Amino acid sequence: MVLQHVSVVGERAGIPIFEFETTRALWDWLAERGTSRSDVGVWVALPRSGSERRSVNFHDLLEAGIAFGWSESTRVAFDAHSYLQRFMPRRRPGTLSSRNEAIASRLRRDGRMTAAGELALRR
């Protein structure tokens, strides 16, 4: 599958930096990538507040991560318009905040929660 609206814009410490122009591109990429627990993950470039860069935002990344069993962690500066968010398959069950539990419930209700996402939340 050739993914549109997905770019590799560099690397940090040998880990690729991805930029997703649309939420659909992020979801398609996650569906293709899978959830191997040995996957070291990627960095995702996210727009800073007020940036006009066309990209998914943190909430888009969080929601897709819950749906597919991925987790966001470290955030670091990147450039004047964006920051980097580390994103990788969830390795162990995290404590689900009430915000994340509400997101997971909505994803289930809307039929958008994947089996990998459910498994990652139960591990």
PDB file of N, CA and C in Angstrom:
ATOM      1  N   MET A   1       0.840  -1.168   0.000  1.00  0.00           N
ATOM      2  CA  MET A   1       0.000   0.000   0.000  1.00  0.00           C
ATOM      3  C   MET A   1       0.893   1.241   0.000  1.00  0.00           C
ATOM      4  N   VAL A   2       0.614   2.174  -0.862  1.00  0.00           N
ATOM      5  CA  VAL A   2       1.324   3.447  -0.880  1.00  0.00           C
ATOM      6  C   VAL A   2       0.520   4.428  -0.042  1.00  0.00           C
ATOM      7  N   LEU A   3       1.150   4.923   1.011  1.00  0.00           N
ATOM      8  CA  LEU A   3       0.445   5.835   1.907  1.00  0.00           C
ATOM      9  C   LEU A   3       0.633   7.269   1.451  1.00  0.00           C
ATOM     10  N   GLN A   4      -0.460   7.995   1.386  1.00  0.00           N
ATOM     11  CA  GLN A   4      -0.407   9.400   1.005  1.00  0.00           C
ATOM     12  C   GLN A   4      -0.447  10.255   2.265  1.00  0.00           C
ATOM     13  N   HIS A   5       0.133  11.442   2.169  1.00  0.00           N
ATOM     14  CA  HIS A   5       0.123  12.417   3.256  1.00  0.00           C
ATOM     15  C   HIS A   5       0.941  11.970   4.458  1.00  0.00           C
ATOM     16  N   VAL A   6       1.952  11.104   4.219  1.00  0.00           N
ATOM     17  CA  VAL A   6       2.881  10.653   5.246  1.00  0.00           C
ATOM     18  C   VAL A   6       4.278  10.950   4.735  1.00  0.00           C
ATOM     19  N   SER A   7       5.087  11.621   5.558  1.00  0.00           N
ATOM     20  CA  SER A   7       6.453  11.952   5.156  1.00  0.00           C
ATOM     21  C   SER A   7       7.428  11.599   6.263  1.00  0.00           C
ATOM     22  N   VAL A   8       8.598  11.115   5.878  1.00  0.00           N
ATOM     23  CA  VAL A   8       9.710  10.986   6.813  1.00  0.00           C
ATOM     24  C   VAL A   8      10.523  12.260   6.630  1.00  0.00           C
ATOM     25  N   VAL A   9      10.633  13.054   7.701  1.00  0.00           N
ATOM     26  CA  VAL A   9      11.256  14.369   7.591  1.00  0.00           C
ATOM     27  C   VAL A   9      12.630  14.439   8.254  1.00  0.00           C
ATOM     28  N   GLY A  10      13.164  13.298   8.653  1.00  0.00           N
ATOM     29  CA  GLY A  10      14.486  13.256   9.274  1.00  0.00           C
ATOM     30  C   GLY A  10      14.566  12.104  10.250  1.00  0.00           C
ATOM     31  N   GLU A  11      15.547  12.217  11.157  1.00  0.00           N
ATOM     32  CA  GLU A  11      15.683  11.211  12.207  1.00  0.00           C
ATOM     33  C   GLU A  11      16.300  11.861  13.435  1.00  0.00           C
ATOM     34  N   ARG A  12      16.093  11.238  14.564  1.00  0.00           N
ATOM     35  CA  ARG A  12      16.676  11.677  15.831  1.00  0.00           C
ATOM     36  C   ARG A  12      17.158  10.422  16.540  1.00  0.00           C
ATOM     37  N   ALA A  13      18.450  10.376  16.830  1.00  0.00           N
ATOM     38  CA  ALA A  13      19.059   9.213  17.490  1.00  0.00           C
ATOM     39  C   ALA A  13      18.760   7.920  16.730  1.00  0.00           C
ATOM     40  N   GLY A  14      18.775   7.999  15.405  1.00  0.00           N
ATOM     41  CA  GLY A  14      18.553   6.817  14.576  1.00  0.00           C
ATOM     42  C   GLY A  14      17.102   6.396  14.433  1.00  0.00           C
ATOM     43  N   ILE A  15      16.187   7.158  15.003  1.00  0.00           N
ATOM     44  CA  ILE A  15      14.765   6.825  14.935  1.00  0.00           C
ATOM     45  C   ILE A  15      14.094   7.812  13.985  1.00  0.00           C
ATOM     46  N   PRO A  16      13.355   7.315  12.992  1.00  0.00           N
ATOM     47  CA  PRO A  16      12.765   8.216  11.995  1.00  0.00           C
ATOM     48  C   PRO A  16      11.735   9.180  12.582  1.00  0.00           C
ATOM     49  N   ILE A  17      11.677  10.352  11.963  1.00  0.00           N
ATOM     50  CA  ILE A  17      10.694  11.372  12.313  1.00  0.00           C
ATOM     51  C   ILE A  17       9.640  11.387  11.206  1.00  0.00           C
ATOM     52  N   PHE A  18       8.402  11.131  11.576  1.00  0.00           N
ATOM     53  CA  PHE A  18       7.299  11.115  10.624  1.00  0.00           C
ATOM     54  C   PHE A  18       6.446  12.362  10.789  1.00  0.00           C
ATOM     55  N   GLU A  19       5.847  12.769   9.684  1.00  0.00           N
ATOM     56  CA  GLU A  19       4.862  13.835   9.707  1.00  0.00           C
ATOM     57  C   GLU A  19       3.631  13.316   8.970  1.00  0.00           C
ATOM     58  N   PHE A  20       2.481  13.436   9.611  1.00  0.00           N
ATOM     59  CA  PHE A  20       1.208  12.971   9.048  1.00  0.00           C
ATOM     60  C   PHE A  20       0.350  14.192   8.779  1.00  0.00           C
ATOM     61  N   GLU A  21       0.010  14.428   7.532  1.00  0.00           N
ATOM     62  CA  GLU A  21      -0.798  15.600   7.184  1.00  0.00           C
ATOM     63  C   GLU A  21      -2.252  15.456   7.610  1.00  0.00           C
ATOM     64  N   THR A  22      -2.743  14.226   7.642  1.00  0.00           N
ATOM     65  CA  THR A  22      -4.152  13.993   7.959  1.00  0.00           C
ATOM     66  C   THR A  22      -4.297  12.868   8.981  1.00  0.00           C
ATOM     67  N   THR A  23      -5.414  12.905   9.684  1.00  0.00           N
ATOM     68  CA  THR A  23      -5.726  11.837  10.631  1.00  0.00           C
ATOM     69  C   THR A  23      -5.861  10.508   9.890  1.00  0.00           C
ATOM     70  N   ARG A  24      -6.465  10.544   8.726  1.00  0.00           N
ATOM     71  CA  ARG A  24      -6.613   9.317   7.921  1.00  0.00           C
ATOM     72  C   ARG A  24      -5.258   8.703   7.595  1.00  0.00           C
ATOM     73  N   ALA A  25      -4.285   9.545   7.248  1.00  0.00           N
ATOM     74  CA  ALA A  25      -2.939   9.044   6.946  1.00  0.00           C
ATOM     75  C   ALA A  25      -2.335   8.355   8.176  1.00  0.00           C
ATOM     76  N   LEU A  26      -2.521   8.937   9.346  1.00  0.00           N
ATOM     77  CA  LEU A  26      -2.005   8.343  10.584  1.00  0.00           C
ATOM     78  C   LEU A  26      -2.661   6.993  10.842  1.00  0.00           C
ATOM     79  N   TRP A  27      -3.982   6.916  10.721  1.00  0.00           N
ATOM     80  CA  TRP A  27      -4.690   5.656  10.965  1.00  0.00           C
ATOM     81  C   TRP A  27      -4.290   4.595   9.939  1.00  0.00           C
ATOM     82  N   ASP A  28      -4.151   4.972   8.677  1.00  0.00           N
ATOM     83  CA  ASP A  28      -3.717   4.015   7.643  1.00  0.00           C
ATOM     84  C   ASP A  28      -2.313   3.503   7.934  1.00  0.00           C
ATOM     85  N   TRP A  29      -1.436   4.399   8.354  1.00  0.00           N
ATOM     86  CA  TRP A  29      -0.052   4.026   8.670  1.00  0.00           C
ATOM     87  C   TRP A  29      -0.022   3.051   9.841  1.00  0.00           C
ATOM     88  N   LEU A  30      -0.789   3.324  10.878  1.00  0.00           N
ATOM     89  CA  LEU A  30      -0.832   2.421  12.028  1.00  0.00           C
ATOM     90  C   LEU A  30      -1.406   1.059  11.652  1.00  0.00           C
ATOM     91  N   ALA A  31      -2.429   1.045  10.818  1.00  0.00           N
ATOM     92  CA  ALA A  31      -3.019  -0.227  10.385  1.00  0.00           C
ATOM     93  C   ALA A  31      -1.997  -1.062   9.622  1.00  0.00           C
ATOM     94  N   GLU A  32      -1.174  -0.401   8.825  1.00  0.00           N
ATOM     95  CA  GLU A  32      -0.156  -1.116   8.057  1.00  0.00           C
ATOM     96  C   GLU A  32       1.039  -1.505   8.925  1.00  0.00           C
ATOM     97  N   ARG A  33       1.432  -0.657   9.849  1.00  0.00           N
ATOM     98  CA  ARG A  33       2.635  -0.867  10.662  1.00  0.00           C
ATOM     99  C   ARG A  33       2.481  -2.005  11.652  1.00  0.00           C
ATOM    100  N   GLY A  34       1.295  -2.156  12.246  1.00  0.00           N
ATOM    101  CA  GLY A  34       1.103  -3.207  13.232  1.00  0.00           C
ATOM    102  C   GLY A  34       1.556  -2.782  14.615  1.00  0.00           C
ATOM    103  N   THR A  35       1.631  -3.756  15.526  1.00  0.00           N
ATOM    104  CA  THR A  35       1.919  -3.441  16.924  1.00  0.00           C
ATOM    105  C   THR A  35       2.941  -4.380  17.546  1.00  0.00           C
ATOM    106  N   SER A  36       4.001  -4.670  16.839  1.00  0.00           N
ATOM    107  CA  SER A  36       5.026  -5.538  17.402  1.00  0.00           C
ATOM    108  C   SER A  36       5.605  -4.905  18.664  1.00  0.00           C
ATOM    109  N   ARG A  37       5.651  -5.662  19.743  1.00  0.00           N
ATOM    110  CA  ARG A  37       6.178  -5.119  21.007  1.00  0.00           C
ATOM    111  C   ARG A  37       7.671  -4.832  20.913  1.00  0.00           C
ATOM    112  N   SER A  38       8.353  -5.380  19.907  1.00  0.00           N
ATOM    113  CA  SER A  38       9.785  -5.101  19.754  1.00  0.00           C
ATOM    114  C   SER A  38      10.042  -3.857  18.908  1.00  0.00           C
ATOM    115  N   ASP A  39       9.002  -3.281  18.349  1.00  0.00           N
ATOM    116  CA  ASP A  39       9.117  -2.066  17.528  1.00  0.00           C
ATOM    117  C   ASP A  39       9.583  -0.915  18.413  1.00  0.00           C
ATOM    118  N   VAL A  40      10.666  -0.232  18.017  1.00  0.00           N
ATOM    119  CA  VAL A  40      11.187   0.882  18.825  1.00  0.00           C
ATOM    120  C   VAL A  40      10.380   2.154  18.628  1.00  0.00           C
ATOM    121  N   GLY A  41       9.469   2.148  17.679  1.00  0.00           N
ATOM    122  CA  GLY A  41       8.611   3.291  17.464  1.00  0.00           C
ATOM    123  C   GLY A  41       9.232   4.354  16.588  1.00  0.00           C
ATOM    124  N   VAL A  42       8.630   5.521  16.623  1.00  0.00           N
ATOM    125  CA  VAL A  42       9.039   6.636  15.768  1.00  0.00           C
ATOM    126  C   VAL A  42       8.893   7.931  16.564  1.00  0.00           C
ATOM    127  N   TRP A  43       9.399   8.999  15.988  1.00  0.00           N
ATOM    128  CA  TRP A  43       9.088  10.345  16.446  1.00  0.00           C
ATOM    129  C   TRP A  43       8.028  10.885  15.495  1.00  0.00           C
ATOM    130  N   VAL A  44       7.070  11.622  16.025  1.00  0.00           N
ATOM    131  CA  VAL A  44       6.054  12.254  15.186  1.00  0.00           C
ATOM    132  C   VAL A  44       6.175  13.763  15.371  1.00  0.00           C
ATOM    133  N   ALA A  45       6.305  14.474  14.263  1.00  0.00           N
ATOM    134  CA  ALA A  45       6.348  15.936  14.296  1.00  0.00           C
ATOM    135  C   ALA A  45       4.925  16.457  14.439  1.00  0.00           C
ATOM    136  N   LEU A  46       4.694  17.232  15.496  1.00  0.00           N
ATOM    137  CA  LEU A  46       3.378  17.816  15.764  1.00  0.00           C
ATOM    138  C   LEU A  46       3.502  19.332  15.784  1.00  0.00           C
ATOM    139  N   PRO A  47       2.484  20.027  15.307  1.00  0.00           N
ATOM    140  CA  PRO A  47       2.575  21.494  15.218  1.00  0.00           C
ATOM    141  C   PRO A  47       2.533  22.162  16.588  1.00  0.00           C
ATOM    142  N   ARG A  48       3.328  23.202  16.727  1.00  0.00           N
ATOM    143  CA  ARG A  48       3.246  24.047  17.919  1.00  0.00           C
ATOM    144  C   ARG A  48       1.962  24.859  17.840  1.00  0.00           C
ATOM    145  N   SER A  49       1.510  25.302  18.968  1.00  0.00           N
ATOM    146  CA  SER A  49       0.324  26.147  19.019  1.00  0.00           C
ATOM    147  C   SER A  49       0.531  27.378  18.138  1.00  0.00           C
ATOM    148  N   GLY A  50      -0.440  27.674  17.304  1.00  0.00           N
ATOM    149  CA  GLY A  50      -0.352  28.828  16.413  1.00  0.00           C
ATOM    150  C   GLY A  50       0.340  28.553  15.092  1.00  0.00           C
ATOM    151  N   SER A  51       0.906  27.362  14.932  1.00  0.00           N
ATOM    152  CA  SER A  51       1.585  27.010  13.679  1.00  0.00           C
ATOM    153  C   SER A  51       0.557  26.790  12.574  1.00  0.00           C
ATOM    154  N   GLU A  52       0.924  27.145  11.370  1.00  0.00           N
ATOM    155  CA  GLU A  52       0.041  26.900  10.221  1.00  0.00           C
ATOM    156  C   GLU A  52       0.420  25.617   9.488  1.00  0.00           C
ATOM    157  N   ARG A  53       1.367  24.861  10.053  1.00  0.00           N
ATOM    158  CA  ARG A  53       1.790  23.595   9.442  1.00  0.00           C
ATOM    159  C   ARG A  53       0.609  22.629   9.417  1.00  0.00           C
ATOM    160  N   ARG A  54       0.394  22.024   8.266  1.00  0.00           N
ATOM    161  CA  ARG A  54      -0.698  21.061   8.110  1.00  0.00           C
ATOM    162  C   ARG A  54      -0.230  19.717   8.662  1.00  0.00           C
ATOM    163  N   SER A  55      -0.821  19.317   9.781  1.00  0.00           N
ATOM    164  CA  SER A  55      -0.378  18.102  10.448  1.00  0.00           C
ATOM    165  C   SER A  55      -1.419  17.664  11.469  1.00  0.00           C
ATOM    166  N   VAL A  56      -1.364  16.381  11.827  1.00  0.00           N
ATOM    167  CA  VAL A  56      -2.180  15.920  12.939  1.00  0.00           C
ATOM    168  C   VAL A  56      -1.705  16.637  14.196  1.00  0.00           C
ATOM    169  N   ASN A  57      -2.564  16.690  15.215  1.00  0.00           N
ATOM    170  CA  ASN A  57      -2.177  17.308  16.476  1.00  0.00           C
ATOM    171  C   ASN A  57      -2.047  16.238  17.565  1.00  0.00           C
ATOM    172  N   PHE A  58      -1.714  16.656  18.770  1.00  0.00           N
ATOM    173  CA  PHE A  58      -1.501  15.701  19.849  1.00  0.00           C
ATOM    174  C   PHE A  58      -2.753  14.864  20.112  1.00  0.00           C
ATOM    175  N   HIS A  59      -3.923  15.478  20.125  1.00  0.00           N
ATOM    176  CA  HIS A  59      -5.146  14.716  20.396  1.00  0.00           C
ATOM    177  C   HIS A  59      -5.375  13.638  19.330  1.00  0.00           C
ATOM    178  N   ASP A  60      -5.098  13.967  18.061  1.00  0.00           N
ATOM    179  CA  ASP A  60      -5.223  12.972  16.984  1.00  0.00           C
ATOM    180  C   ASP A  60      -4.299  11.783  17.247  1.00  0.00           C
ATOM    181  N   LEU A  61      -3.064  12.092  17.659  1.00  0.00           N
ATOM    182  CA  LEU A  61      -2.073  11.048  17.940  1.00  0.00           C
ATOM    183  C   LEU A  61      -2.504  10.199  19.130  1.00  0.00           C
ATOM    184  N   LEU A  62      -2.981  10.843  20.186  1.00  0.00           N
ATOM    185  CA  LEU A  62      -3.443  10.143  21.380  1.00  0.00           C
ATOM    186  C   LEU A  62      -4.590   9.192  21.043  1.00  0.00           C
ATOM    187  N   GLU A  63      -5.574   9.683  20.312  1.00  0.00           N
ATOM    188  CA  GLU A  63      -6.741   8.873  19.967  1.00  0.00           C
ATOM    189  C   GLU A  63      -6.348   7.671  19.093  1.00  0.00           C
ATOM    190  N   ALA A  64      -5.531   7.907  18.082  1.00  0.00           N
ATOM    191  CA  ALA A  64      -5.092   6.807  17.215  1.00  0.00           C
ATOM    192  C   ALA A  64      -4.256   5.806  18.015  1.00  0.00           C
ATOM    193  N   GLY A  65      -3.418   6.313  18.911  1.00  0.00           N
ATOM    194  CA  GLY A  65      -2.598   5.434  19.741  1.00  0.00           C
ATOM    195  C   GLY A  65      -3.448   4.516  20.606  1.00  0.00           C
ATOM    196  N   ILE A  66      -4.473   5.047  21.226  1.00  0.00           N
ATOM    197  CA  ILE A  66      -5.369   4.221  22.041  1.00  0.00           C
ATOM    198  C   ILE A  66      -6.054   3.174  21.159  1.00  0.00           C
ATOM    199  N   ALA A  67      -6.516   3.579  19.995  1.00  0.00           N
ATOM    200  CA  ALA A  67      -7.225   2.659  19.098  1.00  0.00           C
ATOM    201  C   ALA A  67      -6.342   1.518  18.610  1.00  0.00           C
ATOM    202  N   PHE A  68      -5.049   1.780  18.410  1.00  0.00           N
ATOM    203  CA  PHE A  68      -4.155   0.773  17.827  1.00  0.00           C
ATOM    204  C   PHE A  68      -3.154   0.176  18.811  1.00  0.00           C
ATOM    205  N   GLY A  69      -3.202   0.581  20.070  1.00  0.00           N
ATOM    206  CA  GLY A  69      -2.289   0.006  21.056  1.00  0.00           C
ATOM    207  C   GLY A  69      -0.919   0.657  21.067  1.00  0.00           C
ATOM    208  N   TRP A  70      -0.848   1.912  20.666  1.00  0.00           N
ATOM    209  CA  TRP A  70       0.398   2.665  20.707  1.00  0.00           C
ATOM    210  C   TRP A  70       0.318   3.696  21.819  1.00  0.00           C
ATOM    211  N   SER A  71       1.479   4.150  22.264  1.00  0.00           N
ATOM    212  CA  SER A  71       1.541   5.094  23.370  1.00  0.00           C
ATOM    213  C   SER A  71       2.507   6.225  23.048  1.00  0.00           C
ATOM    214  N   GLU A  72       2.164   7.407  23.477  1.00  0.00           N
ATOM    215  CA  GLU A  72       3.062   8.550  23.309  1.00  0.00           C
ATOM    216  C   GLU A  72       3.838   8.718  24.608  1.00  0.00           C
ATOM    217  N   SER A  73       5.064   9.245  24.498  1.00  0.00           N
ATOM    218  CA  SER A  73       5.849   9.449  25.716  1.00  0.00           C
ATOM    219  C   SER A  73       6.593  10.774  25.631  1.00  0.00           C
ATOM    220  N   THR A  74       7.884  10.731  25.463  1.00  0.00           N
ATOM    221  CA  THR A  74       8.746  11.910  25.504  1.00  0.00           C
ATOM    222  C   THR A  74       8.388  12.937  24.434  1.00  0.00           C
ATOM    223  N   ARG A  75       8.424  14.200  24.819  1.00  0.00           N
ATOM    224  CA  ARG A  75       8.221  15.317  23.893  1.00  0.00           C
ATOM    225  C   ARG A  75       9.477  16.184  23.932  1.00  0.00           C
ATOM    226  N   VAL A  76       9.994  16.540  22.738  1.00  0.00           N
ATOM    227  CA  VAL A  76      11.183  17.394  22.655  1.00  0.00           C
ATOM    228  C   VAL A  76      10.974  18.462  21.581  1.00  0.00           C
ATOM    229  N   ALA A  77      11.736  19.544  21.695  1.00  0.00           N
ATOM    230  CA  ALA A  77      11.673  20.613  20.701  1.00  0.00           C
ATOM    231  C   ALA A  77      12.217  20.102  19.371  1.00  0.00           C
ATOM    232  N   PHE A  78      11.695  20.645  18.265  1.00  0.00           N
ATOM    233  CA  PHE A  78      12.164  20.252  16.936  1.00  0.00           C
ATOM    234  C   PHE A  78      12.571  21.484  16.132  1.00  0.00           C
ATOM    235  N   ASP A  79      11.608  22.319  15.801  1.00  0.00           N
ATOM    236  CA  ASP A  79      11.914  23.551  15.075  1.00  0.00           C
ATOM    237  C   ASP A  79      10.937  24.638  15.517  1.00  0.00           C
ATOM    238  N   ALA A  80      10.960  25.762  14.845  1.00  0.00           N
ATOM    239  CA  ALA A  80      10.117  26.897  15.250  1.00  0.00           C
ATOM    240  C   ALA A  80       8.628  26.603  15.107  1.00  0.00           C
ATOM    241  N   HIS A  81       8.277  25.615  14.303  1.00  0.00           N
ATOM    242  CA  HIS A  81       6.872  25.337  14.017  1.00  0.00           C
ATOM    243  C   HIS A  81       6.341  24.051  14.623  1.00  0.00           C
ATOM    244  N   SER A  82       7.234  23.202  15.141  1.00  0.00           N
ATOM    245  CA  SER A  82       6.765  21.909  15.628  1.00  0.00           C
ATOM    246  C   SER A  82       7.653  21.346  16.729  1.00  0.00           C
ATOM    247  N   TYR A  83       7.126  20.347  17.408  1.00  0.00           N
ATOM    248  CA  TYR A  83       7.880  19.581  18.390  1.00  0.00           C
ATOM    249  C   TYR A  83       7.767  18.111  18.012  1.00  0.00           C
ATOM    250  N   LEU A  84       8.581  17.277  18.630  1.00  0.00           N
ATOM    251  CA  LEU A  84       8.557  15.846  18.359  1.00  0.00           C
ATOM    252  C   LEU A  84       7.946  15.106  19.535  1.00  0.00           C
ATOM    253  N   GLN A  85       7.108  14.152  19.213  1.00  0.00           N
ATOM    254  CA  GLN A  85       6.478  13.309  20.218  1.00  0.00           C
ATOM    255  C   GLN A  85       6.889  11.873  19.937  1.00  0.00           C
ATOM    256  N   ARG A  86       7.481  11.192  20.910  1.00  0.00           N
ATOM    257  CA  ARG A  86       7.848   9.781  20.742  1.00  0.00           C
ATOM    258  C   ARG A  86       6.563   8.965  20.759  1.00  0.00           C
ATOM    259  N   PHE A  87       6.481   7.986  19.870  1.00  0.00           N
ATOM    260  CA  PHE A  87       5.261   7.207  19.666  1.00  0.00           C
ATOM    261  C   PHE A  87       5.668   5.775  19.380  1.00  0.00           C
ATOM    262  N   MET A  88       5.176   4.831  20.181  1.00  0.00           N
ATOM    263  CA  MET A  88       5.580   3.429  20.020  1.00  0.00           C
ATOM    264  C   MET A  88       4.485   2.491  20.514  1.00  0.00           C
ATOM    265  N   PRO A  89       4.559   1.224  20.095  1.00  0.00           N
ATOM    266  CA  PRO A  89       3.580   0.268  20.605  1.00  0.00           C
ATOM    267  C   PRO A  89       3.640   0.196  22.127  1.00  0.00           C
ATOM    268  N   ARG A  90       2.481   0.115  22.746  1.00  0.00           N
ATOM    269  CA  ARG A  90       2.401   0.004  24.205  1.00  0.00           C
ATOM    270  C   ARG A  90       2.989  -1.337  24.610  1.00  0.00           C
ATOM    271  N   ARG A  91       3.920  -1.312  25.550  1.00  0.00           N
ATOM    272  CA  ARG A  91       4.595  -2.530  25.988  1.00  0.00           C
ATOM    273  C   ARG A  91       3.957  -3.156  27.227  1.00  0.00           C
ATOM    274  N   ARG A  92       3.296  -2.362  28.009  1.00  0.00           N
ATOM    275  CA  ARG A  92       2.626  -2.855  29.215  1.00  0.00           C
ATOM    276  C   ARG A  92       1.394  -1.992  29.441  1.00  0.00           C
ATOM    277  N   PRO A  93       0.465  -2.497  30.213  1.00  0.00           N
ATOM    278  CA  PRO A  93      -0.737  -1.684  30.422  1.00  0.00           C
ATOM    279  C   PRO A  93      -0.380  -0.421  31.188  1.00  0.00           C
ATOM    280  N   GLY A  94      -0.875   0.653  30.705  1.00  0.00           N
ATOM    281  CA  GLY A  94      -0.657   1.902  31.412  1.00  0.00           C
ATOM    282  C   GLY A  94      -1.844   2.158  32.318  1.00  0.00           C
ATOM    283  N   THR A  95      -1.661   3.061  33.220  1.00  0.00           N
ATOM    284  CA  THR A  95      -2.815   3.466  33.995  1.00  0.00           C
ATOM    285  C   THR A  95      -3.640   4.344  33.078  1.00  0.00           C
ATOM    286  N   LEU A  96      -4.860   3.978  32.907  1.00  0.00           N
ATOM    287  CA  LEU A  96      -5.731   4.748  32.022  1.00  0.00           C
ATOM    288  C   LEU A  96      -6.319   5.922  32.792  1.00  0.00           C
ATOM    289  N   SER A  97      -5.999   7.091  32.347  1.00  0.00           N
ATOM    290  CA  SER A  97      -6.599   8.280  32.937  1.00  0.00           C
ATOM    291  C   SER A  97      -8.074   8.300  32.567  1.00  0.00           C
ATOM    292  N   SER A  98      -8.841   9.106  33.264  1.00  0.00           N
ATOM    293  CA  SER A  98     -10.258   9.202  32.927  1.00  0.00           C
ATOM    294  C   SER A  98     -10.425   9.731  31.510  1.00  0.00           C
ATOM    295  N   ARG A  99      -9.533  10.633  31.070  1.00  0.00           N
ATOM    296  CA  ARG A  99      -9.582  11.147  29.691  1.00  0.00           C
ATOM    297  C   ARG A  99      -9.372  10.015  28.692  1.00  0.00           C
ATOM    298  N   ASN A 100      -8.348   9.193  28.909  1.00  0.00           N
ATOM    299  CA  ASN A 100      -8.055   8.109  27.977  1.00  0.00           C
ATOM    300  C   ASN A 100      -9.132   7.028  28.003  1.00  0.00           C
ATOM    301  N   GLU A 101      -9.684   6.755  29.179  1.00  0.00           N
ATOM    302  CA  GLU A 101     -10.770   5.777  29.268  1.00  0.00           C
ATOM    303  C   GLU A 101     -11.996   6.277  28.506  1.00  0.00           C
ATOM    304  N   ALA A 102     -12.268   7.572  28.585  1.00  0.00           N
ATOM    305  CA  ALA A 102     -13.391   8.150  27.833  1.00  0.00           C
ATOM    306  C   ALA A 102     -13.142   8.038  26.330  1.00  0.00           C
ATOM    307  N   ILE A 103     -11.908   8.261  25.915  1.00  0.00           N
ATOM    308  CA  ILE A 103     -11.559   8.127  24.490  1.00  0.00           C
ATOM    309  C   ILE A 103     -11.752   6.682  24.047  1.00  0.00           C
ATOM    310  N   ALA A 104     -11.253   5.736  24.849  1.00  0.00           N
ATOM    311  CA  ALA A 104     -11.393   4.310  24.507  1.00  0.00           C
ATOM    312  C   ALA A 104     -12.866   3.924  24.435  1.00  0.00           C
ATOM    313  N   SER A 105     -13.661   4.393  25.359  1.00  0.00           N
ATOM    314  CA  SER A 105     -15.106   4.083  25.341  1.00  0.00           C
ATOM    315  C   SER A 105     -15.767   4.620  24.082  1.00  0.00           C
ATOM    316  N   ARG A 106     -15.422   5.849  23.701  1.00  0.00           N
ATOM    317  CA  ARG A 106     -16.001   6.447  22.487  1.00  0.00           C
ATOM    318  C   ARG A 106     -15.549   5.679  21.249  1.00  0.00           C
ATOM    319  N   LEU A 107     -14.264   5.288  21.214  1.00  0.00           N
ATOM    320  CA  LEU A 107     -13.764   4.509  20.068  1.00  0.00           C
ATOM    321  C   LEU A 107     -14.511   3.182  19.951  1.00  0.00           C
ATOM    322  N   ARG A 108     -14.750   2.523  21.076  1.00  0.00           N
ATOM    323  CA  ARG A 108     -15.519   1.268  21.066  1.00  0.00           C
ATOM    324  C   ARG A 108     -16.934   1.512  20.540  1.00  0.00           C
ATOM    325  N   ARG A 109     -17.577   2.523  21.088  1.00  0.00           N
ATOM    326  CA  ARG A 109     -18.956   2.842  20.702  1.00  0.00           C
ATOM    327  C   ARG A 109     -19.065   3.148  19.211  1.00  0.00           C
ATOM    328  N   ASP A 110     -18.031   3.828  18.671  1.00  0.00           N
ATOM    329  CA  ASP A 110     -18.026   4.202  17.254  1.00  0.00           C
ATOM    330  C   ASP A 110     -17.489   3.097  16.344  1.00  0.00           C
ATOM    331  N   GLY A 111     -17.098   1.950  16.933  1.00  0.00           N
ATOM    332  CA  GLY A 111     -16.569   0.841  16.144  1.00  0.00           C
ATOM    333  C   GLY A 111     -15.183   1.096  15.583  1.00  0.00           C
ATOM    334  N   ARG A 112     -14.413   1.959  16.222  1.00  0.00           N
ATOM    335  CA  ARG A 112     -13.083   2.315  15.723  1.00  0.00           C
ATOM    336  C   ARG A 112     -11.945   1.726  16.555  1.00  0.00           C
ATOM    337  N   MET A 113     -12.241   1.063  17.651  1.00  0.00           N
ATOM    338  CA  MET A 113     -11.217   0.458  18.502  1.00  0.00           C
ATOM    339  C   MET A 113     -10.789  -0.850  17.869  1.00  0.00           C
ATOM    340  N   THR A 114      -9.483  -1.045  17.700  1.00  0.00           N
ATOM    341  CA  THR A 114      -8.992  -2.274  17.072  1.00  0.00           C
ATOM    342  C   THR A 114      -8.721  -3.344  18.127  1.00  0.00           C
ATOM    343  N   ALA A 115      -8.581  -4.575  17.667  1.00  0.00           N
ATOM    344  CA  ALA A 115      -8.248  -5.677  18.578  1.00  0.00           C
ATOM    345  C   ALA A 115      -6.894  -5.415  19.235  1.00  0.00           C
ATOM    346  N   ALA A 116      -5.948  -4.858  18.486  1.00  0.00           N
ATOM    347  CA  ALA A 116      -4.621  -4.551  19.049  1.00  0.00           C
ATOM    348  C   ALA A 116      -4.746  -3.505  20.148  1.00  0.00           C
ATOM    349  N   GLY A 117      -5.607  -2.531  19.964  1.00  0.00           N
ATOM    350  CA  GLY A 117      -5.827  -1.518  20.989  1.00  0.00           C
ATOM    351  C   GLY A 117      -6.414  -2.121  22.248  1.00  0.00           C
ATOM    352  N   GLU A 118      -7.406  -2.995  22.094  1.00  0.00           N
ATOM    353  CA  GLU A 118      -8.014  -3.661  23.250  1.00  0.00           C
ATOM    354  C   GLU A 118      -6.986  -4.513  23.992  1.00  0.00           C
ATOM    355  N   LEU A 119      -6.193  -5.281  23.242  1.00  0.00           N
ATOM    356  CA  LEU A 119      -5.180  -6.134  23.849  1.00  0.00           C
ATOM    357  C   LEU A 119      -4.162  -5.311  24.617  1.00  0.00           C
ATOM    358  N   ALA A 120      -3.725  -4.198  24.051  1.00  0.00           N
ATOM    359  CA  ALA A 120      -2.720  -3.358  24.714  1.00  0.00           C
ATOM    360  C   ALA A 120      -3.254  -2.792  26.020  1.00  0.00           C
ATOM    361  N   LEU A 121      -4.523  -2.499  26.085  1.00  0.00           N
ATOM    362  CA  LEU A 121      -5.094  -1.961  27.312  1.00  0.00           C
ATOM    363  C   LEU A 121      -5.262  -3.030  28.393  1.00  0.00           C
ATOM    364  N   ARG A 122      -5.338  -4.301  27.988  1.00  0.00           N
ATOM    365  CA  ARG A 122      -5.533  -5.409  28.941  1.00  0.00           C
ATOM    366  C   ARG A 122      -4.227  -6.046  29.378  1.00  0.00           C
ATOM    367  N   ARG A 123      -3.142  -5.889  28.615  1.00  0.00           N
ATOM    368  CA  ARG A 123      -1.867  -6.568  28.925  1.00  0.00           C
ATOM    369  C   ARG A 123      -1.453  -6.358  30.347  1.00  0.00           C
TER     370      ARG A 123
END
